[in-house]
Every structure is written in C-alpha cells, then in structure tokens.
C-alpha cells in the first residue's frame, strides 16, 4: 500500500505489539485511553504510543476516531504530507479485547478529503 505509518487504536496494546514483532518499515502509532498501556508500548520496537483520554475520543463515531488519528500522526511527525497514507486498525466496538476487526487505509489530509463511506 506504500503507507507512511500504521496506526492502531488499542486498550491493551496487543495489536500494536503483534505488528511490532513483524518489524515493519513503517512506524506504529498506538493510540490508547490508558496511560499504563502507553507506558508498556513505549518498550515495543517501532511503536510510538499516544495517550488519548476517552473524553477526547468519541468511540461511537469511527469517522471521528480516524480524524483524531490523522491529527496525532501529523503532530508526531509520522506523516508529513496530506497525501501520505495511514493504515488504521481498530476493534469495534472499541474496548473489546482482541477484536481488531477493522482496517482502513486513509490519506493524512483528514475528513474533508475522504470518501463518505469511511
């Protein structure tokens, strides 16, 4: 897909850890509402954890979660151009352990450039 980074919404960090074990060329941005998970993921190869409290993340609105992902990856410098692609993984409903059942490839430009089906 030629993506610039992988982003994973996670509570426990398992999806980000599994991706890290494959040693991808792309950095992995692990977005979690738990500080403890972020601290643990900081020790994983290629993972850049980001603490995002649940009050800053509407987990019932996946489009909003994708927008937050774009903001975080841009701020962390993991993507630099609006056309850079991000592979996003998440489990829906959010917070279900081991349920990484969604994968999307999105441009870093944000919602105004996305297809309405996202």
Foldseek 3Di string as FASTA:
>chain_A
DQALAEEEEAAQCPVVQVVLVVVDPHAYEYEYCDPVNQVVCVPGHRYHYDHDHVVNADLVDVLRVVQVVLVVCCVVVSDPDQQHKYWYWAAPVHPDPPRRPDIDIDGSNGDVPDDPVD
